[in-house]
Amino acid sequence: MPDEKPRLSADPMVVLLREGRVADFNRRRAAGEKADLRGCNLRGLDLRELDVTAGLDLSNAYLRQADLRGLNLAKCRLEGASLHAAHVSGVLFPAELEATEIEMSVRLGTRLRHRR
């Protein structure tokens, strides 16, 4: 896992999320636009309406205090992501993530490690 800090991406798709324009993000992604969220700082964002049905690569993303409630993240890559104080009620995580791993990340901010 990289030691680098979470990045504030200037990618237009990431900017949409930071501005709270999740519906626009979903629409543009459905139209085929790519979104590079790897290692991005998504701290405190309300992502409850994010369309993750096709999966997203959130590896090494910083999701501190993000609102993820109700999302089905089963198809998302979360290796190295940090969920410190994130709202995760009702979230379906990938089967490769153990409950203790998720709890440690939410409680202490550790980075998620998938079972091999």
PDB file of N, CA and C in Angstrom:
ATOM      1  N   MET A   1       0.834  -1.183   0.000  1.00  0.00           N
ATOM      2  CA  MET A   1       0.000   0.000   0.000  1.00  0.00           C
ATOM      3  C   MET A   1       0.874   1.240   0.000  1.00  0.00           C
ATOM      4  N   PRO A   2       0.514   2.206  -0.752  1.00  0.00           N
ATOM      5  CA  PRO A   2       1.329   3.412  -0.814  1.00  0.00           C
ATOM      6  C   PRO A   2       1.263   4.213   0.477  1.00  0.00           C
ATOM      7  N   ASP A   3       2.344   4.945   0.753  1.00  0.00           N
ATOM      8  CA  ASP A   3       2.405   5.799   1.937  1.00  0.00           C
ATOM      9  C   ASP A   3       1.908   7.208   1.648  1.00  0.00           C
ATOM     10  N   GLU A   4       1.508   7.448   0.419  1.00  0.00           N
ATOM     11  CA  GLU A   4       1.127   8.796   0.029  1.00  0.00           C
ATOM     12  C   GLU A   4      -0.164   9.241   0.707  1.00  0.00           C
ATOM     13  N   LYS A   5      -0.296  10.552   0.807  1.00  0.00           N
ATOM     14  CA  LYS A   5      -1.497  11.136   1.401  1.00  0.00           C
ATOM     15  C   LYS A   5      -2.648  11.055   0.397  1.00  0.00           C
ATOM     16  N   PRO A   6      -3.900  11.082   0.897  1.00  0.00           N
ATOM     17  CA  PRO A   6      -5.045  11.110  -0.027  1.00  0.00           C
ATOM     18  C   PRO A   6      -4.945  12.328  -0.930  1.00  0.00           C
ATOM     19  N   ARG A   7      -5.303  12.143  -2.187  1.00  0.00           N
ATOM     20  CA  ARG A   7      -5.144  13.242  -3.142  1.00  0.00           C
ATOM     21  C   ARG A   7      -6.469  13.971  -3.373  1.00  0.00           C
ATOM     22  N   LEU A   8      -6.346  15.256  -3.561  1.00  0.00           N
ATOM     23  CA  LEU A   8      -7.491  16.078  -3.953  1.00  0.00           C
ATOM     24  C   LEU A   8      -7.444  16.173  -5.469  1.00  0.00           C
ATOM     25  N   SER A   9      -8.118  15.269  -6.107  1.00  0.00           N
ATOM     26  CA  SER A   9      -8.083  15.165  -7.558  1.00  0.00           C
ATOM     27  C   SER A   9      -8.836  16.315  -8.217  1.00  0.00           C
ATOM     28  N   ALA A  10      -8.279  16.759  -9.347  1.00  0.00           N
ATOM     29  CA  ALA A  10      -8.945  17.788 -10.147  1.00  0.00           C
ATOM     30  C   ALA A  10      -9.798  17.155 -11.240  1.00  0.00           C
ATOM     31  N   ASP A  11      -9.878  15.828 -11.240  1.00  0.00           N
ATOM     32  CA  ASP A  11     -10.696  15.108 -12.210  1.00  0.00           C
ATOM     33  C   ASP A  11     -12.132  15.639 -12.119  1.00  0.00           C
ATOM     34  N   PRO A  12     -12.730  16.015 -13.252  1.00  0.00           N
ATOM     35  CA  PRO A  12     -14.095  16.579 -13.227  1.00  0.00           C
ATOM     36  C   PRO A  12     -15.117  15.669 -12.547  1.00  0.00           C
ATOM     37  N   MET A  13     -14.940  14.366 -12.657  1.00  0.00           N
ATOM     38  CA  MET A  13     -15.881  13.435 -12.015  1.00  0.00           C
ATOM     39  C   MET A  13     -15.748  13.499 -10.497  1.00  0.00           C
ATOM     40  N   VAL A  14     -14.543  13.610  -9.996  1.00  0.00           N
ATOM     41  CA  VAL A  14     -14.324  13.710  -8.550  1.00  0.00           C
ATOM     42  C   VAL A  14     -14.839  15.053  -8.039  1.00  0.00           C
ATOM     43  N   VAL A  15     -14.644  16.093  -8.814  1.00  0.00           N
ATOM     44  CA  VAL A  15     -15.141  17.415  -8.444  1.00  0.00           C
ATOM     45  C   VAL A  15     -16.666  17.384  -8.287  1.00  0.00           C
ATOM     46  N   LEU A  16     -17.351  16.656  -9.169  1.00  0.00           N
ATOM     47  CA  LEU A  16     -18.806  16.521  -9.045  1.00  0.00           C
ATOM     48  C   LEU A  16     -19.179  15.945  -7.681  1.00  0.00           C
ATOM     49  N   LEU A  17     -18.464  14.914  -7.245  1.00  0.00           N
ATOM     50  CA  LEU A  17     -18.753  14.307  -5.943  1.00  0.00           C
ATOM     51  C   LEU A  17     -18.486  15.300  -4.819  1.00  0.00           C
ATOM     52  N   ARG A  18     -17.375  16.005  -4.885  1.00  0.00           N
ATOM     53  CA  ARG A  18     -17.039  16.971  -3.832  1.00  0.00           C
ATOM     54  C   ARG A  18     -18.051  18.110  -3.772  1.00  0.00           C
ATOM     55  N   GLU A  19     -18.665  18.434  -4.903  1.00  0.00           N
ATOM     56  CA  GLU A  19     -19.688  19.491  -4.940  1.00  0.00           C
ATOM     57  C   GLU A  19     -21.071  18.968  -4.575  1.00  0.00           C
ATOM     58  N   GLY A  20     -21.183  17.672  -4.261  1.00  0.00           N
ATOM     59  CA  GLY A  20     -22.475  17.093  -3.886  1.00  0.00           C
ATOM     60  C   GLY A  20     -23.369  16.787  -5.073  1.00  0.00           C
ATOM     61  N   ARG A  21     -22.816  16.754  -6.260  1.00  0.00           N
ATOM     62  CA  ARG A  21     -23.598  16.515  -7.485  1.00  0.00           C
ATOM     63  C   ARG A  21     -23.515  15.036  -7.877  1.00  0.00           C
ATOM     64  N   VAL A  22     -23.962  14.180  -6.969  1.00  0.00           N
ATOM     65  CA  VAL A  22     -23.879  12.731  -7.160  1.00  0.00           C
ATOM     66  C   VAL A  22     -24.732  12.283  -8.349  1.00  0.00           C
ATOM     67  N   ALA A  23     -25.894  12.871  -8.529  1.00  0.00           N
ATOM     68  CA  ALA A  23     -26.765  12.499  -9.654  1.00  0.00           C
ATOM     69  C   ALA A  23     -26.060  12.780 -10.986  1.00  0.00           C
ATOM     70  N   ASP A  24     -25.357  13.917 -11.081  1.00  0.00           N
ATOM     71  CA  ASP A  24     -24.609  14.233 -12.300  1.00  0.00           C
ATOM     72  C   ASP A  24     -23.471  13.242 -12.507  1.00  0.00           C
ATOM     73  N   PHE A  25     -22.790  12.888 -11.421  1.00  0.00           N
ATOM     74  CA  PHE A  25     -21.724  11.889 -11.478  1.00  0.00           C
ATOM     75  C   PHE A  25     -22.285  10.579 -12.027  1.00  0.00           C
ATOM     76  N   ASN A  26     -23.402  10.128 -11.454  1.00  0.00           N
ATOM     77  CA  ASN A  26     -24.024   8.864 -11.874  1.00  0.00           C
ATOM     78  C   ASN A  26     -24.416   8.907 -13.354  1.00  0.00           C
ATOM     79  N   ARG A  27     -24.996  10.010 -13.775  1.00  0.00           N
ATOM     80  CA  ARG A  27     -25.442  10.154 -15.166  1.00  0.00           C
ATOM     81  C   ARG A  27     -24.252  10.098 -16.129  1.00  0.00           C
ATOM     82  N   ARG A  28     -23.192  10.819 -15.814  1.00  0.00           N
ATOM     83  CA  ARG A  28     -22.021  10.845 -16.692  1.00  0.00           C
ATOM     84  C   ARG A  28     -21.312   9.495 -16.705  1.00  0.00           C
ATOM     85  N   ARG A  29     -21.283   8.841 -15.567  1.00  0.00           N
ATOM     86  CA  ARG A  29     -20.655   7.511 -15.498  1.00  0.00           C
ATOM     87  C   ARG A  29     -21.479   6.502 -16.296  1.00  0.00           C
ATOM     88  N   ALA A  30     -22.791   6.581 -16.221  1.00  0.00           N
ATOM     89  CA  ALA A  30     -23.667   5.693 -16.990  1.00  0.00           C
ATOM     90  C   ALA A  30     -23.491   5.908 -18.485  1.00  0.00           C
ATOM     91  N   ALA A  31     -23.110   7.124 -18.876  1.00  0.00           N
ATOM     92  CA  ALA A  31     -22.883   7.443 -20.284  1.00  0.00           C
ATOM     93  C   ALA A  31     -21.489   7.002 -20.742  1.00  0.00           C
ATOM     94  N   GLY A  32     -20.715   6.409 -19.835  1.00  0.00           N
ATOM     95  CA  GLY A  32     -19.423   5.855 -20.217  1.00  0.00           C
ATOM     96  C   GLY A  32     -18.206   6.628 -19.764  1.00  0.00           C
ATOM     97  N   GLU A  33     -18.414   7.731 -19.066  1.00  0.00           N
ATOM     98  CA  GLU A  33     -17.265   8.507 -18.597  1.00  0.00           C
ATOM     99  C   GLU A  33     -16.585   7.772 -17.439  1.00  0.00           C
ATOM    100  N   LYS A  34     -15.276   7.772 -17.438  1.00  0.00           N
ATOM    101  CA  LYS A  34     -14.498   7.082 -16.396  1.00  0.00           C
ATOM    102  C   LYS A  34     -14.306   7.997 -15.193  1.00  0.00           C
ATOM    103  N   ALA A  35     -14.214   7.355 -14.037  1.00  0.00           N
ATOM    104  CA  ALA A  35     -13.968   8.083 -12.793  1.00  0.00           C
ATOM    105  C   ALA A  35     -12.827   7.398 -12.056  1.00  0.00           C
ATOM    106  N   ASP A  36     -11.744   8.122 -11.818  1.00  0.00           N
ATOM    107  CA  ASP A  36     -10.601   7.567 -11.093  1.00  0.00           C
ATOM    108  C   ASP A  36     -10.674   8.030  -9.642  1.00  0.00           C
ATOM    109  N   LEU A  37     -11.167   7.148  -8.789  1.00  0.00           N
ATOM    110  CA  LEU A  37     -11.330   7.477  -7.377  1.00  0.00           C
ATOM    111  C   LEU A  37     -10.246   6.855  -6.510  1.00  0.00           C
ATOM    112  N   ARG A  38      -9.278   6.183  -7.127  1.00  0.00           N
ATOM    113  CA  ARG A  38      -8.205   5.536  -6.366  1.00  0.00           C
ATOM    114  C   ARG A  38      -7.390   6.587  -5.618  1.00  0.00           C
ATOM    115  N   GLY A  39      -7.268   6.373  -4.314  1.00  0.00           N
ATOM    116  CA  GLY A  39      -6.457   7.261  -3.497  1.00  0.00           C
ATOM    117  C   GLY A  39      -7.035   8.645  -3.276  1.00  0.00           C
ATOM    118  N   CYS A  40      -8.273   8.866  -3.663  1.00  0.00           N
ATOM    119  CA  CYS A  40      -8.883  10.198  -3.554  1.00  0.00           C
ATOM    120  C   CYS A  40      -9.340  10.498  -2.129  1.00  0.00           C
ATOM    121  N   ASN A  41      -9.292  11.764  -1.805  1.00  0.00           N
ATOM    122  CA  ASN A  41      -9.809  12.248  -0.539  1.00  0.00           C
ATOM    123  C   ASN A  41     -11.303  12.515  -0.715  1.00  0.00           C
ATOM    124  N   LEU A  42     -12.125  11.630  -0.161  1.00  0.00           N
ATOM    125  CA  LEU A  42     -13.580  11.750  -0.245  1.00  0.00           C
ATOM    126  C   LEU A  42     -14.168  11.991   1.149  1.00  0.00           C
ATOM    127  N   ARG A  43     -13.377  12.618   1.981  1.00  0.00           N
ATOM    128  CA  ARG A  43     -13.731  12.853   3.376  1.00  0.00           C
ATOM    129  C   ARG A  43     -15.026  13.650   3.503  1.00  0.00           C
ATOM    130  N   GLY A  44     -15.930  13.109   4.338  1.00  0.00           N
ATOM    131  CA  GLY A  44     -17.141  13.813   4.713  1.00  0.00           C
ATOM    132  C   GLY A  44     -18.210  13.925   3.643  1.00  0.00           C
ATOM    133  N   LEU A  45     -18.034  13.253   2.515  1.00  0.00           N
ATOM    134  CA  LEU A  45     -19.010  13.377   1.430  1.00  0.00           C
ATOM    135  C   LEU A  45     -20.233  12.501   1.674  1.00  0.00           C
ATOM    136  N   ASP A  46     -21.385  12.981   1.236  1.00  0.00           N
ATOM    137  CA  ASP A  46     -22.621  12.204   1.287  1.00  0.00           C
ATOM    138  C   ASP A  46     -22.697  11.415  -0.017  1.00  0.00           C
ATOM    139  N   LEU A  47     -22.402  10.123   0.070  1.00  0.00           N
ATOM    140  CA  LEU A  47     -22.358   9.265  -1.118  1.00  0.00           C
ATOM    141  C   LEU A  47     -23.505   8.259  -1.146  1.00  0.00           C
ATOM    142  N   ARG A  48     -24.542   8.498  -0.372  1.00  0.00           N
ATOM    143  CA  ARG A  48     -25.647   7.536  -0.267  1.00  0.00           C
ATOM    144  C   ARG A  48     -26.330   7.254  -1.588  1.00  0.00           C
ATOM    145  N   GLU A  49     -26.337   8.184  -2.507  1.00  0.00           N
ATOM    146  CA  GLU A  49     -27.008   7.991  -3.797  1.00  0.00           C
ATOM    147  C   GLU A  49     -26.043   7.575  -4.907  1.00  0.00           C
ATOM    148  N   LEU A  50     -24.794   7.302  -4.550  1.00  0.00           N
ATOM    149  CA  LEU A  50     -23.789   6.916  -5.536  1.00  0.00           C
ATOM    150  C   LEU A  50     -24.160   5.577  -6.174  1.00  0.00           C
ATOM    151  N   ASP A  51     -24.150   5.519  -7.496  1.00  0.00           N
ATOM    152  CA  ASP A  51     -24.459   4.282  -8.216  1.00  0.00           C
ATOM    153  C   ASP A  51     -23.202   3.429  -8.270  1.00  0.00           C
ATOM    154  N   VAL A  52     -23.200   2.377  -7.475  1.00  0.00           N
ATOM    155  CA  VAL A  52     -22.040   1.487  -7.411  1.00  0.00           C
ATOM    156  C   VAL A  52     -22.367   0.101  -7.971  1.00  0.00           C
ATOM    157  N   THR A  53     -23.466  -0.014  -8.715  1.00  0.00           N
ATOM    158  CA  THR A  53     -23.902  -1.327  -9.202  1.00  0.00           C
ATOM    159  C   THR A  53     -22.856  -1.982 -10.098  1.00  0.00           C
ATOM    160  N   ALA A  54     -22.120  -1.202 -10.863  1.00  0.00           N
ATOM    161  CA  ALA A  54     -21.074  -1.766 -11.726  1.00  0.00           C
ATOM    162  C   ALA A  54     -19.738  -1.833 -10.997  1.00  0.00           C
ATOM    163  N   GLY A  55     -19.704  -1.380  -9.754  1.00  0.00           N
ATOM    164  CA  GLY A  55     -18.472  -1.374  -8.984  1.00  0.00           C
ATOM    165  C   GLY A  55     -17.642  -0.134  -9.268  1.00  0.00           C
ATOM    166  N   LEU A  56     -16.865   0.246  -8.294  1.00  0.00           N
ATOM    167  CA  LEU A  56     -15.939   1.376  -8.414  1.00  0.00           C
ATOM    168  C   LEU A  56     -14.629   0.974  -7.766  1.00  0.00           C
ATOM    169  N   ASP A  57     -13.544   1.533  -8.251  1.00  0.00           N
ATOM    170  CA  ASP A  57     -12.251   1.290  -7.627  1.00  0.00           C
ATOM    171  C   ASP A  57     -12.009   2.392  -6.602  1.00  0.00           C
ATOM    172  N   LEU A  58     -12.228   2.066  -5.348  1.00  0.00           N
ATOM    173  CA  LEU A  58     -12.013   2.990  -4.240  1.00  0.00           C
ATOM    174  C   LEU A  58     -10.774   2.607  -3.444  1.00  0.00           C
ATOM    175  N   SER A  59      -9.876   1.865  -4.071  1.00  0.00           N
ATOM    176  CA  SER A  59      -8.675   1.429  -3.369  1.00  0.00           C
ATOM    177  C   SER A  59      -7.877   2.647  -2.910  1.00  0.00           C
ATOM    178  N   ASN A  60      -7.408   2.564  -1.670  1.00  0.00           N
ATOM    179  CA  ASN A  60      -6.627   3.615  -1.019  1.00  0.00           C
ATOM    180  C   ASN A  60      -7.375   4.945  -0.870  1.00  0.00           C
ATOM    181  N   ALA A  61      -8.692   4.933  -1.056  1.00  0.00           N
ATOM    182  CA  ALA A  61      -9.482   6.162  -0.891  1.00  0.00           C
ATOM    183  C   ALA A  61      -9.609   6.505   0.593  1.00  0.00           C
ATOM    184  N   TYR A  62      -9.719   7.782   0.870  1.00  0.00           N
ATOM    185  CA  TYR A  62      -9.878   8.294   2.227  1.00  0.00           C
ATOM    186  C   TYR A  62     -11.339   8.680   2.390  1.00  0.00           C
ATOM    187  N   LEU A  63     -12.084   7.850   3.127  1.00  0.00           N
ATOM    188  CA  LEU A  63     -13.527   8.020   3.272  1.00  0.00           C
ATOM    189  C   LEU A  63     -13.923   8.416   4.695  1.00  0.00           C
ATOM    190  N   ARG A  64     -13.028   9.090   5.387  1.00  0.00           N
ATOM    191  CA  ARG A  64     -13.310   9.504   6.763  1.00  0.00           C
ATOM    192  C   ARG A  64     -14.596  10.329   6.811  1.00  0.00           C
ATOM    193  N   GLN A  65     -15.484   9.937   7.701  1.00  0.00           N
ATOM    194  CA  GLN A  65     -16.763  10.614   7.954  1.00  0.00           C
ATOM    195  C   GLN A  65     -17.674  10.691   6.723  1.00  0.00           C
ATOM    196  N   ALA A  66     -17.394   9.901   5.696  1.00  0.00           N
ATOM    197  CA  ALA A  66     -18.267   9.864   4.522  1.00  0.00           C
ATOM    198  C   ALA A  66     -19.559   9.130   4.892  1.00  0.00           C
ATOM    199  N   ASP A  67     -20.636   9.496   4.244  1.00  0.00           N
ATOM    200  CA  ASP A  67     -21.924   8.844   4.474  1.00  0.00           C
ATOM    201  C   ASP A  67     -22.138   7.814   3.376  1.00  0.00           C
ATOM    202  N   LEU A  68     -21.977   6.552   3.733  1.00  0.00           N
ATOM    203  CA  LEU A  68     -22.085   5.438   2.790  1.00  0.00           C
ATOM    204  C   LEU A  68     -23.333   4.602   3.053  1.00  0.00           C
ATOM    205  N   ARG A  69     -24.190   5.054   3.912  1.00  0.00           N
ATOM    206  CA  ARG A  69     -25.323   4.249   4.361  1.00  0.00           C
ATOM    207  C   ARG A  69     -26.125   3.676   3.198  1.00  0.00           C
ATOM    208  N   GLY A  70     -26.377   2.355   3.310  1.00  0.00           N
ATOM    209  CA  GLY A  70     -27.237   1.665   2.365  1.00  0.00           C
ATOM    210  C   GLY A  70     -26.585   1.257   1.055  1.00  0.00           C
ATOM    211  N   LEU A  71     -25.318   1.588   0.841  1.00  0.00           N
ATOM    212  CA  LEU A  71     -24.675   1.250  -0.435  1.00  0.00           C
ATOM    213  C   LEU A  71     -24.318  -0.234  -0.513  1.00  0.00           C
ATOM    214  N   ASN A  72     -24.395  -0.777  -1.708  1.00  0.00           N
ATOM    215  CA  ASN A  72     -23.949  -2.138  -1.961  1.00  0.00           C
ATOM    216  C   ASN A  72     -22.562  -2.038  -2.582  1.00  0.00           C
ATOM    217  N   LEU A  73     -21.547  -2.127  -1.744  1.00  0.00           N
ATOM    218  CA  LEU A  73     -20.161  -2.000  -2.183  1.00  0.00           C
ATOM    219  C   LEU A  73     -19.535  -3.353  -2.520  1.00  0.00           C
ATOM    220  N   ALA A  74     -20.352  -4.384  -2.648  1.00  0.00           N
ATOM    221  CA  ALA A  74     -19.849  -5.741  -2.856  1.00  0.00           C
ATOM    222  C   ALA A  74     -18.962  -5.865  -4.093  1.00  0.00           C
ATOM    223  N   LYS A  75     -19.193  -5.059  -5.121  1.00  0.00           N
ATOM    224  CA  LYS A  75     -18.400  -5.146  -6.350  1.00  0.00           C
ATOM    225  C   LYS A  75     -17.295  -4.093  -6.410  1.00  0.00           C
ATOM    226  N   CYS A  76     -17.140  -3.329  -5.343  1.00  0.00           N
ATOM    227  CA  CYS A  76     -16.144  -2.254  -5.332  1.00  0.00           C
ATOM    228  C   CYS A  76     -14.808  -2.751  -4.789  1.00  0.00           C
ATOM    229  N   ARG A  77     -13.736  -2.154  -5.275  1.00  0.00           N
ATOM    230  CA  ARG A  77     -12.396  -2.422  -4.745  1.00  0.00           C
ATOM    231  C   ARG A  77     -12.167  -1.460  -3.597  1.00  0.00           C
ATOM    232  N   LEU A  78     -11.890  -2.006  -2.423  1.00  0.00           N
ATOM    233  CA  LEU A  78     -11.703  -1.186  -1.226  1.00  0.00           C
ATOM    234  C   LEU A  78     -10.357  -1.427  -0.558  1.00  0.00           C
ATOM    235  N   GLU A  79      -9.488  -2.186  -1.176  1.00  0.00           N
ATOM    236  CA  GLU A  79      -8.172  -2.484  -0.609  1.00  0.00           C
ATOM    237  C   GLU A  79      -7.445  -1.181  -0.290  1.00  0.00           C
ATOM    238  N   GLY A  80      -7.054  -1.028   0.975  1.00  0.00           N
ATOM    239  CA  GLY A  80      -6.294   0.149   1.389  1.00  0.00           C
ATOM    240  C   GLY A  80      -7.135   1.371   1.726  1.00  0.00           C
ATOM    241  N   ALA A  81      -8.443   1.289   1.543  1.00  0.00           N
ATOM    242  CA  ALA A  81      -9.307   2.440   1.866  1.00  0.00           C
ATOM    243  C   ALA A  81      -9.405   2.604   3.382  1.00  0.00           C
ATOM    244  N   SER A  82      -9.633   3.825   3.825  1.00  0.00           N
ATOM    245  CA  SER A  82      -9.815   4.114   5.241  1.00  0.00           C
ATOM    246  C   SER A  82     -11.227   4.653   5.456  1.00  0.00           C
ATOM    247  N   LEU A  83     -11.927   4.068   6.450  1.00  0.00           N
ATOM    248  CA  LEU A  83     -13.323   4.414   6.720  1.00  0.00           C
ATOM    249  C   LEU A  83     -13.512   5.100   8.070  1.00  0.00           C
ATOM    250  N   HIS A  84     -12.497   5.737   8.600  1.00  0.00           N
ATOM    251  CA  HIS A  84     -12.578   6.277   9.953  1.00  0.00           C
ATOM    252  C   HIS A  84     -13.823   7.148  10.156  1.00  0.00           C
ATOM    253  N   ALA A  85     -14.644   6.748  11.096  1.00  0.00           N
ATOM    254  CA  ALA A  85     -15.867   7.469  11.484  1.00  0.00           C
ATOM    255  C   ALA A  85     -16.884   7.600  10.342  1.00  0.00           C
ATOM    256  N   ALA A  86     -16.764   6.763   9.321  1.00  0.00           N
ATOM    257  CA  ALA A  86     -17.731   6.782   8.218  1.00  0.00           C
ATOM    258  C   ALA A  86     -19.058   6.200   8.700  1.00  0.00           C
ATOM    259  N   HIS A  87     -20.135   6.617   8.073  1.00  0.00           N
ATOM    260  CA  HIS A  87     -21.465   6.079   8.371  1.00  0.00           C
ATOM    261  C   HIS A  87     -21.672   4.874   7.468  1.00  0.00           C
ATOM    262  N   VAL A  88     -21.702   3.683   8.058  1.00  0.00           N
ATOM    263  CA  VAL A  88     -21.743   2.456   7.263  1.00  0.00           C
ATOM    264  C   VAL A  88     -22.963   1.587   7.546  1.00  0.00           C
ATOM    265  N   SER A  89     -23.974   2.135   8.179  1.00  0.00           N
ATOM    266  CA  SER A  89     -25.177   1.366   8.473  1.00  0.00           C
ATOM    267  C   SER A  89     -25.812   0.869   7.175  1.00  0.00           C
ATOM    268  N   GLY A  90     -26.063  -0.423   7.103  1.00  0.00           N
ATOM    269  CA  GLY A  90     -26.725  -1.006   5.944  1.00  0.00           C
ATOM    270  C   GLY A  90     -25.833  -1.224   4.737  1.00  0.00           C
ATOM    271  N   VAL A  91     -24.533  -0.983   4.860  1.00  0.00           N
ATOM    272  CA  VAL A  91     -23.617  -1.176   3.732  1.00  0.00           C
ATOM    273  C   VAL A  91     -23.321  -2.664   3.556  1.00  0.00           C
ATOM    274  N   LEU A  92     -23.350  -3.109   2.303  1.00  0.00           N
ATOM    275  CA  LEU A  92     -22.929  -4.468   1.976  1.00  0.00           C
ATOM    276  C   LEU A  92     -21.503  -4.364   1.452  1.00  0.00           C
ATOM    277  N   PHE A  93     -20.569  -4.928   2.206  1.00  0.00           N
ATOM    278  CA  PHE A  93     -19.155  -4.881   1.845  1.00  0.00           C
ATOM    279  C   PHE A  93     -18.770  -6.125   1.041  1.00  0.00           C
ATOM    280  N   PRO A  94     -17.647  -6.063   0.316  1.00  0.00           N
ATOM    281  CA  PRO A  94     -17.181  -7.245  -0.408  1.00  0.00           C
ATOM    282  C   PRO A  94     -16.944  -8.410   0.556  1.00  0.00           C
ATOM    283  N   ALA A  95     -17.229  -9.617   0.094  1.00  0.00           N
ATOM    284  CA  ALA A  95     -17.080 -10.805   0.934  1.00  0.00           C
ATOM    285  C   ALA A  95     -15.642 -10.996   1.405  1.00  0.00           C
ATOM    286  N   GLU A  96     -14.672 -10.447   0.687  1.00  0.00           N
ATOM    287  CA  GLU A  96     -13.266 -10.601   1.045  1.00  0.00           C
ATOM    288  C   GLU A  96     -12.880  -9.801   2.290  1.00  0.00           C
ATOM    289  N   LEU A  97     -13.753  -8.897   2.713  1.00  0.00           N
ATOM    290  CA  LEU A  97     -13.469  -8.077   3.890  1.00  0.00           C
ATOM    291  C   LEU A  97     -14.129  -8.695   5.119  1.00  0.00           C
ATOM    292  N   GLU A  98     -13.325  -8.953   6.121  1.00  0.00           N
ATOM    293  CA  GLU A  98     -13.861  -9.495   7.364  1.00  0.00           C
ATOM    294  C   GLU A  98     -14.473  -8.364   8.194  1.00  0.00           C
ATOM    295  N   ALA A  99     -15.471  -8.715   8.987  1.00  0.00           N
ATOM    296  CA  ALA A  99     -16.156  -7.721   9.816  1.00  0.00           C
ATOM    297  C   ALA A  99     -15.187  -7.005  10.751  1.00  0.00           C
ATOM    298  N   THR A 100     -14.220  -7.717  11.304  1.00  0.00           N
ATOM    299  CA  THR A 100     -13.257  -7.085  12.208  1.00  0.00           C
ATOM    300  C   THR A 100     -12.404  -6.061  11.471  1.00  0.00           C
ATOM    301  N   GLU A 101     -12.095  -6.333  10.211  1.00  0.00           N
ATOM    302  CA  GLU A 101     -11.315  -5.404   9.392  1.00  0.00           C
ATOM    303  C   GLU A 101     -12.097  -4.102   9.177  1.00  0.00           C
ATOM    304  N   ILE A 102     -13.377  -4.245   8.886  1.00  0.00           N
ATOM    305  CA  ILE A 102     -14.239  -3.080   8.676  1.00  0.00           C
ATOM    306  C   ILE A 102     -14.380  -2.287   9.986  1.00  0.00           C
ATOM    307  N   GLU A 103     -14.625  -2.999  11.065  1.00  0.00           N
ATOM    308  CA  GLU A 103     -14.774  -2.340  12.368  1.00  0.00           C
ATOM    309  C   GLU A 103     -13.519  -1.562  12.749  1.00  0.00           C
ATOM    310  N   MET A 104     -12.343  -2.167  12.540  1.00  0.00           N
ATOM    311  CA  MET A 104     -11.084  -1.482  12.863  1.00  0.00           C
ATOM    312  C   MET A 104     -10.921  -0.222  12.022  1.00  0.00           C
ATOM    313  N   SER A 105     -11.318  -0.285  10.768  1.00  0.00           N
ATOM    314  CA  SER A 105     -11.182   0.873   9.897  1.00  0.00           C
ATOM    315  C   SER A 105     -12.131   1.991  10.321  1.00  0.00           C
ATOM    316  N   VAL A 106     -13.378   1.638  10.635  1.00  0.00           N
ATOM    317  CA  VAL A 106     -14.360   2.648  11.045  1.00  0.00           C
ATOM    318  C   VAL A 106     -13.970   3.250  12.395  1.00  0.00           C
ATOM    319  N   ARG A 107     -13.519   2.411  13.298  1.00  0.00           N
ATOM    320  CA  ARG A 107     -13.225   2.873  14.659  1.00  0.00           C
ATOM    321  C   ARG A 107     -11.872   3.573  14.770  1.00  0.00           C
ATOM    322  N   LEU A 108     -10.854   3.003  14.102  1.00  0.00           N
ATOM    323  CA  LEU A 108      -9.493   3.505  14.289  1.00  0.00           C
ATOM    324  C   LEU A 108      -8.859   4.116  13.036  1.00  0.00           C
ATOM    325  N   GLY A 109      -9.512   3.949  11.906  1.00  0.00           N
ATOM    326  CA  GLY A 109      -8.973   4.523  10.683  1.00  0.00           C
ATOM    327  C   GLY A 109      -7.943   3.666   9.970  1.00  0.00           C
ATOM    328  N   THR A 110      -7.827   2.390  10.371  1.00  0.00           N
ATOM    329  CA  THR A 110      -6.861   1.524   9.686  1.00  0.00           C
ATOM    330  C   THR A 110      -7.309   1.321   8.247  1.00  0.00           C
ATOM    331  N   ARG A 111      -6.359   0.992   7.404  1.00  0.00           N
ATOM    332  CA  ARG A 111      -6.671   0.740   5.995  1.00  0.00           C
ATOM    333  C   ARG A 111      -7.177  -0.691   5.839  1.00  0.00           C
ATOM    334  N   LEU A 112      -8.163  -0.861   4.969  1.00  0.00           N
ATOM    335  CA  LEU A 112      -8.788  -2.167   4.777  1.00  0.00           C
ATOM    336  C   LEU A 112      -7.846  -3.129   4.054  1.00  0.00           C
ATOM    337  N   ARG A 113      -7.818  -4.358   4.550  1.00  0.00           N
ATOM    338  CA  ARG A 113      -7.032  -5.421   3.922  1.00  0.00           C
ATOM    339  C   ARG A 113      -7.981  -6.561   3.584  1.00  0.00           C
ATOM    340  N   HIS A 114      -7.955  -6.996   2.349  1.00  0.00           N
ATOM    341  CA  HIS A 114      -8.793  -8.105   1.900  1.00  0.00           C
ATOM    342  C   HIS A 114      -8.162  -9.425   2.294  1.00  0.00           C
ATOM    343  N   ARG A 115      -8.997 -10.420   2.540  1.00  0.00           N
ATOM    344  CA  ARG A 115      -8.506 -11.784   2.745  1.00  0.00           C
ATOM    345  C   ARG A 115      -7.939 -12.273   1.432  1.00  0.00           C
ATOM    346  N   ARG A 116      -6.916 -13.026   1.501  1.00  0.00           N
ATOM    347  CA  ARG A 116      -6.310 -13.600   0.283  1.00  0.00           C
ATOM    348  C   ARG A 116      -6.858 -14.975   0.030  1.00  0.00           C
TER     349      ARG A 116
END
